[in-house]
C-alpha atoms as a PDB file:
ATOM      1  CA  MET A   1      -0.044   0.041  -0.080  1.00  0.00           C
ATOM      2  CA  ASP A   2       1.400   3.423  -1.036  1.00  0.00           C
ATOM      3  CA  LEU A   3       1.253   5.558   2.122  1.00  0.00           C
ATOM      4  CA  SER A   4       2.695   8.652   0.334  1.00  0.00           C
ATOM      5  CA  ARG A   5      -0.758   9.722  -0.617  1.00  0.00           C
ATOM      6  CA  VAL A   6      -2.279   9.605   2.888  1.00  0.00           C
ATOM      7  CA  ASN A   7      -1.526  13.282   3.553  1.00  0.00           C
ATOM      8  CA  ALA A   8      -2.941  14.258   0.134  1.00  0.00           C
ATOM      9  CA  ILE A   9      -6.437  13.492   1.442  1.00  0.00           C
ATOM     10  CA  PRO A  10      -8.156  16.837   2.468  1.00  0.00           C
ATOM     11  CA  ARG A  11      -9.190  16.925   6.094  1.00  0.00           C
ATOM     12  CA  LEU A  12     -12.925  17.420   6.671  1.00  0.00           C
ATOM     13  CA  PRO A  13     -13.722  20.155   9.134  1.00  0.00           C
ATOM     14  CA  ARG A  14     -14.759  19.019  12.629  1.00  0.00           C
ATOM     15  CA  MET A  15     -18.084  19.990  14.060  1.00  0.00           C
ATOM     16  CA  GLY A  16     -18.107  23.563  15.122  1.00  0.00           C
ATOM     17  CA  GLU A  17     -15.294  24.539  12.807  1.00  0.00           C
ATOM     18  CA  ARG A  18     -15.939  27.041   9.925  1.00  0.00           C
ATOM     19  CA  SER A  19     -15.766  25.574   6.656  1.00  0.00           C
ATOM     20  CA  ILE A  20     -14.759  28.813   5.158  1.00  0.00           C
ATOM     21  CA  HIS A  21     -12.459  31.420   6.429  1.00  0.00           C
ATOM     22  CA  GLY A  22     -14.491  34.568   5.640  1.00  0.00           C
ATOM     23  CA  VAL A  23     -17.915  36.245   5.234  1.00  0.00           C
ATOM     24  CA  GLN A  24     -19.708  37.575   2.241  1.00  0.00           C
ATOM     25  CA  ILE A  25     -21.719  40.749   1.780  1.00  0.00           C
ATOM     26  CA  ALA A  26     -24.323  41.061  -0.979  1.00  0.00           C
ATOM     27  CA  VAL A  27     -24.097  44.273  -3.099  1.00  0.00           C
ATOM     28  CA  THR A  28     -25.840  44.748  -6.400  1.00  0.00           C
ATOM     29  CA  ASN A  29     -24.603  42.443  -9.059  1.00  0.00           C
ATOM     30  CA  ARG A  30     -21.900  40.831  -6.973  1.00  0.00           C
ATOM     31  CA  THR A  31     -20.772  39.593  -3.508  1.00  0.00           C
ATOM     32  CA  ILE A  32     -17.823  40.953  -1.559  1.00  0.00           C
ATOM     33  CA  SER A  33     -15.759  38.583   0.523  1.00  0.00           C
ATOM     34  CA  ILE A  34     -13.803  39.680   3.572  1.00  0.00           C
ATOM     35  CA  PRO A  35     -11.687  37.396   5.822  1.00  0.00           C
ATOM     36  CA  TRP A  36     -13.199  36.228   9.208  1.00  0.00           C
ATOM     37  CA  LYS A  37     -10.616  38.284  11.098  1.00  0.00           C
ATOM     38  CA  SER A  38     -11.745  41.564   9.076  1.00  0.00           C
ATOM     39  CA  ARG A  39     -15.387  40.659  10.008  1.00  0.00           C
ATOM     40  CA  GLN A  40     -14.348  40.485  13.554  1.00  0.00           C
ATOM     41  CA  ALA A  41     -12.677  44.004  13.474  1.00  0.00           C
ATOM     42  CA  LEU A  42     -15.614  45.434  11.553  1.00  0.00           C
ATOM     43  CA  LEU A  43     -17.970  44.220  14.095  1.00  0.00           C
ATOM     44  CA  ALA A  44     -15.827  45.635  17.014  1.00  0.00           C
ATOM     45  CA  GLU A  45     -15.901  48.967  15.221  1.00  0.00           C
ATOM     46  CA  LEU A  46     -19.733  48.838  14.620  1.00  0.00           C
ATOM     47  CA  ARG A  47     -20.922  47.484  18.026  1.00  0.00           C
ATOM     48  CA  PRO A  48     -20.420  50.800  20.116  1.00  0.00           C
ATOM     49  CA  ILE A  49     -22.472  52.667  17.488  1.00  0.00           C
ATOM     50  CA  GLU A  50     -26.207  52.363  18.447  1.00  0.00           C
ATOM     51  CA  ALA A  51     -27.290  53.106  15.031  1.00  0.00           C
ATOM     52  CA  MET A  52     -25.439  50.143  13.478  1.00  0.00           C
ATOM     53  CA  HIS A  53     -27.184  47.588  15.807  1.00  0.00           C
ATOM     54  CA  GLU A  54     -29.220  46.109  12.923  1.00  0.00           C
ATOM     55  CA  VAL A  55     -26.173  45.969  10.715  1.00  0.00           C
ATOM     56  CA  VAL A  56     -24.336  43.984  13.516  1.00  0.00           C
ATOM     57  CA  LEU A  57     -27.406  41.706  13.880  1.00  0.00           C
ATOM     58  CA  ALA A  58     -27.358  41.044  10.056  1.00  0.00           C
ATOM     59  CA  PHE A  59     -23.677  39.999  10.101  1.00  0.00           C
ATOM     60  CA  GLU A  60     -24.292  37.749  13.172  1.00  0.00           C
ATOM     61  CA  ALA A  61     -27.412  36.192  11.874  1.00  0.00           C
ATOM     62  CA  VAL A  62     -25.811  34.773   8.642  1.00  0.00           C
ATOM     63  CA  GLY A  63     -22.343  33.922   9.941  1.00  0.00           C
ATOM     64  CA  THR A  64     -20.625  32.167   7.132  1.00  0.00           C
ATOM     65  CA  SER A  65     -23.654  30.372   5.752  1.00  0.00           C
ATOM     66  CA  ARG A  66     -24.835  32.853   3.285  1.00  0.00           C
ATOM     67  CA  PRO A  67     -24.138  36.518   2.217  1.00  0.00           C
ATOM     68  CA  VAL A  68     -25.078  39.362   4.513  1.00  0.00           C
ATOM     69  CA  GLU A  69     -27.971  41.307   2.992  1.00  0.00           C
ATOM     70  CA  LEU A  70     -28.412  45.053   4.019  1.00  0.00           C
ATOM     71  CA  THR A  71     -31.059  47.523   3.005  1.00  0.00           C
ATOM     72  CA  ALA A  72     -30.088  50.678   1.103  1.00  0.00           C
ATOM     73  CA  GLU A  73     -30.050  52.771   4.378  1.00  0.00           C
ATOM     74  CA  GLN A  74     -27.923  50.144   6.190  1.00  0.00           C
ATOM     75  CA  LYS A  75     -25.397  50.196   3.160  1.00  0.00           C
ATOM     76  CA  ASP A  76     -25.300  53.866   3.271  1.00  0.00           C
ATOM     77  CA  ASP A  77     -24.687  53.956   7.155  1.00  0.00           C
ATOM     78  CA  LEU A  78     -22.086  51.239   6.907  1.00  0.00           C
ATOM     79  CA  HIS A  79     -20.348  53.131   4.177  1.00  0.00           C
ATOM     80  CA  GLY A  80     -20.218  56.201   6.391  1.00  0.00           C
ATOM     81  CA  VAL A  81     -18.779  54.354   9.350  1.00  0.00           C
ATOM     82  CA  LEU A  82     -16.061  52.748   7.038  1.00  0.00           C
ATOM     83  CA  THR A  83     -15.204  56.194   5.765  1.00  0.00           C
ATOM     84  CA  GLY A  84     -14.993  57.623   9.295  1.00  0.00           C
ATOM     85  CA  TRP A  85     -12.910  54.639  10.382  1.00  0.00           C
ATOM     86  CA  ALA A  86     -10.464  55.188   7.555  1.00  0.00           C
ATOM     87  CA  GLN A  87     -10.240  59.003   8.351  1.00  0.00           C
ATOM     88  CA  GLU A  88      -9.410  58.108  11.882  1.00  0.00           C
ATOM     89  CA  THR A  89      -6.805  55.580  11.079  1.00  0.00           C
ATOM     90  CA  GLU A  90      -3.225  56.632  10.229  1.00  0.00           C
ATOM     91  CA  GLY A  91      -2.731  55.139   6.674  1.00  0.00           C
ATOM     92  CA  GLY A  92      -6.539  55.409   5.783  1.00  0.00           C
ATOM     93  CA  PHE A  93      -8.143  52.643   3.954  1.00  0.00           C
ATOM     94  CA  THR A  94      -4.907  50.937   3.264  1.00  0.00           C
ATOM     95  CA  ALA A  95      -4.303  50.433   6.985  1.00  0.00           C
ATOM     96  CA  LEU A  96      -7.697  48.956   7.709  1.00  0.00           C
ATOM     97  CA  PRO A  97      -8.133  45.131   7.858  1.00  0.00           C
ATOM     98  CA  LYS A  98      -7.998  43.239   4.548  1.00  0.00           C
ATOM     99  CA  GLY A  99     -11.129  43.564   2.452  1.00  0.00           C
ATOM    100  CA  ILE A 100     -12.639  46.623   4.183  1.00  0.00           C
ATOM    101  CA  SER A 101     -11.539  49.157   1.519  1.00  0.00           C
ATOM    102  CA  GLU A 102     -13.035  46.885  -1.208  1.00  0.00           C
ATOM    103  CA  LEU A 103     -16.202  46.670   0.764  1.00  0.00           C
ATOM    104  CA  SER A 104     -16.379  50.475   1.121  1.00  0.00           C
ATOM    105  CA  ASN A 105     -15.920  50.920  -2.692  1.00  0.00           C
ATOM    106  CA  ALA A 106     -18.491  48.233  -3.381  1.00  0.00           C
ATOM    107  CA  LEU A 107     -21.047  49.944  -1.053  1.00  0.00           C
ATOM    108  CA  TYR A 108     -20.321  53.333  -2.596  1.00  0.00           C
ATOM    109  CA  ASP A 109     -20.794  51.994  -6.171  1.00  0.00           C
ATOM    110  CA  ASP A 110     -23.952  50.126  -5.181  1.00  0.00           C
ATOM    111  CA  LEU A 111     -25.472  53.203  -3.499  1.00  0.00           C
ATOM    112  CA  HIS A 112     -24.752  55.400  -6.418  1.00  0.00           C
ATOM    113  CA  ARG A 113     -25.682  52.960  -9.037  1.00  0.00           C
ATOM    114  CA  ASN A 114     -29.105  52.809  -7.431  1.00  0.00           C
ATOM    115  CA  SER A 115     -29.598  56.454  -6.459  1.00  0.00           C
ATOM    116  CA  PRO A 116     -32.295  58.383  -8.236  1.00  0.00           C
ATOM    117  CA  THR A 117     -30.908  60.819 -10.908  1.00  0.00           C
END
């Protein structure tokens, strides 16, 4: 028996482990993925803001099982918080956790694509 291939078999996740390492956020025409660590940092930033309570609940409700879906108002509020976070951080968006800048850009695009002219 050739044992050299034993380690080539992918390990299945144990119960309670996440099968993916990130979370997805739905925006018009696409889904943005951010790493789990970035999601945790984002939620830490959002939790102290009372107006972001529903957004936090939306992230917590889906976990990694499906994309987070937000209303237009929630997307606008989240974009505002992300912009403020970047302005308060030395280095701006580039210093924020991985994927946050892309999320902010996608929210901006989504909001402006759907805004009345």
